[in-house]
Amino acid sequence: MNNSIRSWESAFTLDSAILLKVVAFLLLALWIHGILRRRKNLLKRRFPVGAIAEANARERHQWRYFHRALLVLKIACSVYFMGTLIKYLFT
């Protein structure tokens, strides 16, 4: 039983803190890369012409306030998590 306790305690050393910060930095870099890649793909997207496209446009128009509120919530959460992660990286 003492061996399992010692191995568990050895996981929480200075080296593991550095490893966690490296993993956090990689996750932050992947998150930013994903955001930038999505924006680039949105700029290339073309909308089809026709009845289905008009129906999609009407539906987007009807739900625009909900989508804007959801976007504001997503941005607020992202800024909070990014700020927390950056503070963790610099501690």
C-alpha atoms as a PDB file:
ATOM      1  CA  MET A   1       0.000   0.000   0.000  1.00  0.00           C
ATOM      2  CA  ASN A   2       2.874   2.381   0.712  1.00  0.00           C
ATOM      3  CA  ASN A   3       4.208   1.922  -2.809  1.00  0.00           C
ATOM      4  CA  SER A   4       0.929   3.057  -4.377  1.00  0.00           C
ATOM      5  CA  ILE A   5       0.826   6.132  -2.141  1.00  0.00           C
ATOM      6  CA  ARG A   6       4.393   7.080  -3.044  1.00  0.00           C
ATOM      7  CA  SER A   7       3.770   6.690  -6.758  1.00  0.00           C
ATOM      8  CA  TRP A   8       0.626   8.822  -6.474  1.00  0.00           C
ATOM      9  CA  GLU A   9       2.495  11.574  -4.612  1.00  0.00           C
ATOM     10  CA  SER A  10       5.319  11.532  -7.131  1.00  0.00           C
ATOM     11  CA  ALA A  11       2.856  12.567  -9.850  1.00  0.00           C
ATOM     12  CA  PHE A  12       2.485  15.987  -8.191  1.00  0.00           C
ATOM     13  CA  THR A  13       6.013  17.313  -8.408  1.00  0.00           C
ATOM     14  CA  LEU A  14       7.524  20.366 -10.083  1.00  0.00           C
ATOM     15  CA  ASP A  15       8.099  18.396 -13.282  1.00  0.00           C
ATOM     16  CA  SER A  16       4.424  17.542 -13.556  1.00  0.00           C
ATOM     17  CA  ALA A  17       3.511  21.235 -13.122  1.00  0.00           C
ATOM     18  CA  ILE A  18       5.766  22.109 -16.041  1.00  0.00           C
ATOM     19  CA  LEU A  19       4.264  19.269 -18.060  1.00  0.00           C
ATOM     20  CA  LEU A  20       0.751  20.533 -17.299  1.00  0.00           C
ATOM     21  CA  LYS A  21       1.727  24.012 -18.460  1.00  0.00           C
ATOM     22  CA  VAL A  22       3.128  22.611 -21.697  1.00  0.00           C
ATOM     23  CA  VAL A  23      -0.101  20.684 -22.277  1.00  0.00           C
ATOM     24  CA  ALA A  24      -2.148  23.801 -21.486  1.00  0.00           C
ATOM     25  CA  PHE A  25      -0.047  25.827 -23.950  1.00  0.00           C
ATOM     26  CA  LEU A  26      -0.554  23.206 -26.671  1.00  0.00           C
ATOM     27  CA  LEU A  27      -4.307  23.187 -26.049  1.00  0.00           C
ATOM     28  CA  LEU A  28      -4.393  26.982 -26.258  1.00  0.00           C
ATOM     29  CA  ALA A  29      -2.431  26.906 -29.532  1.00  0.00           C
ATOM     30  CA  LEU A  30      -4.765  24.269 -31.007  1.00  0.00           C
ATOM     31  CA  TRP A  31      -7.804  26.264 -29.903  1.00  0.00           C
ATOM     32  CA  ILE A  32      -6.536  29.437 -31.591  1.00  0.00           C
ATOM     33  CA  HIS A  33      -5.579  27.485 -34.725  1.00  0.00           C
ATOM     34  CA  GLY A  34      -9.088  26.011 -34.892  1.00  0.00           C
ATOM     35  CA  ILE A  35     -10.682  29.446 -34.573  1.00  0.00           C
ATOM     36  CA  LEU A  36      -8.523  30.905 -37.328  1.00  0.00           C
ATOM     37  CA  ARG A  37      -9.109  27.910 -39.609  1.00  0.00           C
ATOM     38  CA  ARG A  38     -12.885  28.191 -39.175  1.00  0.00           C
ATOM     39  CA  ARG A  39     -12.800  31.893 -40.057  1.00  0.00           C
ATOM     40  CA  LYS A  40     -10.811  31.185 -43.210  1.00  0.00           C
ATOM     41  CA  ASN A  41     -13.317  28.522 -44.264  1.00  0.00           C
ATOM     42  CA  LEU A  42     -16.244  30.872 -43.616  1.00  0.00           C
ATOM     43  CA  LEU A  43     -14.772  33.429 -45.997  1.00  0.00           C
ATOM     44  CA  LYS A  44     -14.563  30.824 -48.781  1.00  0.00           C
ATOM     45  CA  ARG A  45     -18.124  29.503 -48.320  1.00  0.00           C
ATOM     46  CA  ARG A  46     -20.628  30.296 -51.066  1.00  0.00           C
ATOM     47  CA  PHE A  47     -24.372  30.229 -50.609  1.00  0.00           C
ATOM     48  CA  PRO A  48     -26.500  28.443 -53.202  1.00  0.00           C
ATOM     49  CA  VAL A  49     -29.199  30.243 -55.150  1.00  0.00           C
ATOM     50  CA  GLY A  50     -32.800  29.066 -55.155  1.00  0.00           C
ATOM     51  CA  ALA A  51     -35.813  28.404 -52.997  1.00  0.00           C
ATOM     52  CA  ILE A  52     -33.867  26.507 -50.348  1.00  0.00           C
ATOM     53  CA  ALA A  53     -31.347  29.330 -50.039  1.00  0.00           C
ATOM     54  CA  GLU A  54     -34.167  31.854 -49.624  1.00  0.00           C
ATOM     55  CA  ALA A  55     -35.791  29.706 -46.935  1.00  0.00           C
ATOM     56  CA  ASN A  56     -32.446  29.438 -45.152  1.00  0.00           C
ATOM     57  CA  ALA A  57     -32.039  33.213 -45.316  1.00  0.00           C
ATOM     58  CA  ARG A  58     -35.526  33.762 -43.855  1.00  0.00           C
ATOM     59  CA  GLU A  59     -34.807  31.327 -41.040  1.00  0.00           C
ATOM     60  CA  ARG A  60     -31.466  32.978 -40.253  1.00  0.00           C
ATOM     61  CA  HIS A  61     -33.245  36.342 -40.197  1.00  0.00           C
ATOM     62  CA  GLN A  62     -35.878  35.044 -37.763  1.00  0.00           C
ATOM     63  CA  TRP A  63     -33.321  33.571 -35.386  1.00  0.00           C
ATOM     64  CA  ARG A  64     -30.764  36.391 -35.636  1.00  0.00           C
ATOM     65  CA  TYR A  65     -31.214  37.736 -32.080  1.00  0.00           C
ATOM     66  CA  PHE A  66     -30.885  34.285 -30.537  1.00  0.00           C
ATOM     67  CA  HIS A  67     -27.734  33.629 -32.561  1.00  0.00           C
ATOM     68  CA  ARG A  68     -26.266  36.993 -31.560  1.00  0.00           C
ATOM     69  CA  ALA A  69     -26.957  36.327 -27.874  1.00  0.00           C
ATOM     70  CA  LEU A  70     -25.395  32.889 -28.181  1.00  0.00           C
ATOM     71  CA  LEU A  71     -22.372  34.378 -29.938  1.00  0.00           C
ATOM     72  CA  VAL A  72     -21.918  36.974 -27.166  1.00  0.00           C
ATOM     73  CA  LEU A  73     -22.124  34.193 -24.556  1.00  0.00           C
ATOM     74  CA  LYS A  74     -19.583  32.078 -26.449  1.00  0.00           C
ATOM     75  CA  ILE A  75     -17.187  35.014 -26.767  1.00  0.00           C
ATOM     76  CA  ALA A  76     -17.519  35.881 -23.064  1.00  0.00           C
ATOM     77  CA  CYS A  77     -16.815  32.284 -22.027  1.00  0.00           C
ATOM     78  CA  SER A  78     -13.908  32.022 -24.453  1.00  0.00           C
ATOM     79  CA  VAL A  79     -12.327  35.228 -23.165  1.00  0.00           C
ATOM     80  CA  TYR A  80     -12.740  34.047 -19.569  1.00  0.00           C
ATOM     81  CA  PHE A  81     -11.228  30.615 -20.263  1.00  0.00           C
ATOM     82  CA  MET A  82      -8.408  32.058 -22.341  1.00  0.00           C
ATOM     83  CA  GLY A  83      -7.600  34.591 -19.634  1.00  0.00           C
ATOM     84  CA  THR A  84      -7.615  31.895 -16.969  1.00  0.00           C
ATOM     85  CA  LEU A  85      -5.381  29.668 -19.076  1.00  0.00           C
ATOM     86  CA  ILE A  86      -2.916  32.484 -19.785  1.00  0.00           C
ATOM     87  CA  LYS A  87      -2.793  33.378 -16.057  1.00  0.00           C
ATOM     88  CA  TYR A  88      -2.095  29.719 -15.280  1.00  0.00           C
ATOM     89  CA  LEU A  89       0.699  29.601 -17.841  1.00  0.00           C
ATOM     90  CA  PHE A  90       2.433  32.625 -16.321  1.00  0.00           C
ATOM     91  CA  THR A  91       2.220  31.488 -12.678  1.00  0.00           C
END
